[in-house]
């Protein structure tokens, strides 16, 4: 990854820095987290893949090893139909999405999301951004979820 910085003078008392970036990494988006006259911070974040709950589950069913290699630890944008809204044993809120016959995607939220989840009903269609954790017998587990 190469970064180029050049000053752009907007008037005699002010100068802005314009950052130009050449990217050579596939599926990578770069955002500028902070800029000052003498320093800047660049944060790289992978572009979240869009996928339905049923498609995600199907990929894990076809080849769990390949699916874990592709998704585990990454952020995805997942959509699906709500089959359950509840708290887990640790008191964290979660939404369960339908992924087909007896297959589910469990989406865990931070505790401070209770008010948002109180508005969600069974059979609602939702779009979430979550981190993929793992698969158990009939469920794929996602965490750190937020509504898109």
Protein backbone atom coordinates (compact mmCIF):
# COMPACT_ATOMS: atom_id res chain seq x y z
CA UNK A 1 0.00 0.00 0.00
CA UNK A 2 1.40 3.42 -0.93
CA UNK A 3 0.31 6.74 0.53
CA UNK A 4 1.00 10.15 -0.98
CA UNK A 5 0.56 13.39 0.96
CA UNK A 6 0.66 16.81 -0.69
CA UNK A 7 -0.28 20.25 0.64
CA UNK A 8 -3.10 22.14 -1.02
CA UNK A 9 -3.13 25.86 -0.25
CA UNK A 10 -6.65 27.25 0.08
CA UNK A 11 -5.64 30.76 1.12
CA UNK A 12 -2.56 32.55 2.47
CA UNK A 13 -3.28 31.62 6.11
CA UNK A 14 -4.52 28.12 5.64
CA UNK A 15 -3.21 24.88 4.19
CA UNK A 16 -4.97 21.58 3.88
CA UNK A 17 -3.40 18.19 3.40
CA UNK A 18 -4.82 16.00 0.76
CA UNK A 19 -4.14 12.32 1.06
CA UNK A 20 -4.02 10.24 -2.05
CA UNK A 21 -3.82 6.51 -1.72
CA UNK A 22 -2.97 3.78 -4.15
CA UNK A 23 -4.42 0.49 -3.02
CA UNK A 24 -3.29 -2.90 -4.15
CA UNK A 25 -5.25 -5.02 -1.67
CA UNK A 26 -8.44 -6.80 -2.73
CA UNK A 27 -11.64 -5.99 -0.80
CA UNK A 28 -10.01 -3.31 1.37
CA UNK A 29 -11.38 0.08 2.16
CA UNK A 30 -9.30 2.74 3.83
CA UNK A 31 -10.75 5.52 5.91
CA UNK A 32 -9.04 8.47 7.49
CA UNK A 33 -9.59 8.46 11.23
CA UNK A 34 -7.92 11.79 11.99
CA UNK A 35 -5.95 14.51 10.23
CA UNK A 36 -3.94 17.40 11.61
CA UNK A 37 -1.40 19.71 9.99
CA UNK A 38 1.52 17.46 10.93
CA UNK A 39 0.07 14.00 11.33
CA UNK A 40 -2.69 11.71 10.20
CA UNK A 41 -3.97 8.27 11.04
CA UNK A 42 -5.22 5.87 8.42
CA UNK A 43 -7.36 2.91 9.45
CA UNK A 44 -7.92 -0.05 7.15
CA UNK A 45 -11.19 -1.97 7.38
CA UNK A 46 -12.24 -4.90 5.25
CA UNK A 47 -15.35 -4.31 3.21
CA UNK A 48 -18.13 -6.30 4.83
CA UNK A 49 -19.58 -8.96 2.55
CA UNK A 50 -23.38 -8.97 2.01
CA UNK A 51 -24.99 -12.39 2.55
CA UNK A 52 -28.33 -13.88 3.60
CA UNK A 53 -28.59 -16.07 6.69
CA UNK A 54 -29.60 -19.08 4.57
CA UNK A 55 -26.68 -18.58 2.13
CA UNK A 56 -24.20 -18.31 5.02
CA UNK A 57 -25.55 -21.50 6.57
CA UNK A 58 -25.43 -23.30 3.22
CA UNK A 59 -21.76 -22.40 2.79
CA UNK A 60 -20.97 -23.83 6.23
CA UNK A 61 -22.96 -27.00 5.43
CA UNK A 62 -21.17 -27.55 2.10
CA UNK A 63 -17.69 -27.21 3.60
CA UNK A 64 -17.29 -26.02 7.18
CA UNK A 65 -13.50 -25.80 6.94
CA UNK A 66 -13.61 -23.58 3.83
CA UNK A 67 -16.41 -21.42 5.30
CA UNK A 68 -14.54 -20.90 8.57
CA UNK A 69 -11.44 -19.94 6.63
CA UNK A 70 -13.45 -17.45 4.61
CA UNK A 71 -15.64 -15.93 7.34
CA UNK A 72 -14.37 -16.62 10.88
CA UNK A 73 -13.42 -13.38 12.63
CA UNK A 74 -14.61 -11.19 9.76
CA UNK A 75 -17.44 -8.66 9.68
CA UNK A 76 -20.35 -9.49 7.38
CA UNK A 77 -23.64 -7.83 6.54
CA UNK A 78 -26.25 -10.53 7.09
CA UNK A 79 -29.96 -10.35 6.35
CA UNK A 80 -32.80 -12.66 7.23
CA UNK A 81 -36.14 -13.32 8.88
CA UNK A 82 -36.29 -13.13 12.69
CA UNK A 83 -37.46 -16.31 14.43
CA UNK A 84 -36.56 -15.29 18.00
CA UNK A 85 -35.56 -12.26 20.08
CA UNK A 86 -34.21 -13.03 23.56
CA UNK A 87 -31.26 -12.85 25.98
CA UNK A 88 -28.66 -15.57 26.30
CA UNK A 89 -27.63 -17.09 29.64
CA UNK A 90 -25.10 -14.25 30.16
CA UNK A 91 -27.86 -11.65 29.68
CA UNK A 92 -26.68 -10.51 26.24
CA UNK A 93 -29.45 -9.75 23.74
CA UNK A 94 -29.63 -11.82 20.59
CA UNK A 95 -31.71 -12.28 17.49
CA UNK A 96 -32.04 -15.66 15.83
CA UNK A 97 -32.47 -15.65 12.05
CA UNK A 98 -34.05 -18.42 10.00
CA UNK A 99 -31.51 -20.13 7.75
CA UNK A 100 -33.68 -22.97 6.45
CA UNK A 101 -35.24 -26.11 7.89
CA UNK A 102 -33.93 -26.49 11.45
CA UNK A 103 -30.96 -24.21 10.73
CA UNK A 104 -30.32 -20.82 12.30
CA UNK A 105 -27.97 -17.87 12.57
CA UNK A 106 -27.69 -16.51 16.11
CA UNK A 107 -26.77 -12.80 16.20
CA UNK A 108 -25.44 -11.57 19.55
CA UNK A 109 -25.57 -7.86 20.40
CA UNK A 110 -23.85 -5.82 23.12
CA UNK A 111 -25.93 -5.34 26.29
CA UNK A 112 -26.49 -1.66 25.49
CA UNK A 113 -28.60 -2.67 22.45
CA UNK A 114 -31.61 -3.80 24.52
CA UNK A 115 -33.75 -0.80 23.52
CA UNK A 116 -33.16 -1.44 19.81
CA UNK A 117 -33.97 -5.13 20.13
CA UNK A 118 -37.16 -4.35 22.06
CA UNK A 119 -38.55 -2.95 18.77
CA UNK A 120 -37.87 -6.14 16.76
CA UNK A 121 -40.62 -8.73 16.34
CA UNK A 122 -40.70 -12.34 15.19
CA UNK A 123 -41.09 -12.52 11.36
CA UNK A 124 -39.42 -9.09 10.85
CA UNK A 125 -36.78 -8.95 8.12
CA UNK A 126 -33.55 -7.40 9.39
CA UNK A 127 -30.13 -6.40 8.06
CA UNK A 128 -27.25 -6.62 10.52
CA UNK A 129 -23.51 -6.14 10.57
CA UNK A 130 -21.83 -8.84 12.69
CA UNK A 131 -18.58 -10.71 13.28
CA UNK A 132 -18.62 -14.44 12.44
CA UNK A 133 -17.64 -16.63 15.39
CA UNK A 134 -18.34 -20.35 14.87
CA UNK A 135 -20.89 -23.05 14.00
CA UNK A 136 -22.50 -25.53 16.35
CA UNK A 137 -24.84 -28.36 15.34
CA UNK A 138 -27.62 -26.33 13.69
CA UNK A 139 -26.56 -22.75 14.37
CA UNK A 140 -23.94 -20.29 13.14
CA UNK A 141 -22.98 -17.85 15.87
CA UNK A 142 -22.28 -14.16 15.15
CA UNK A 143 -21.27 -11.46 17.64
CA UNK A 144 -20.78 -7.70 17.97
CA UNK A 145 -23.91 -7.14 15.89
CA UNK A 146 -25.41 -3.76 15.00
CA UNK A 147 -28.36 -2.84 12.81
CA UNK A 148 -27.60 -1.62 9.28
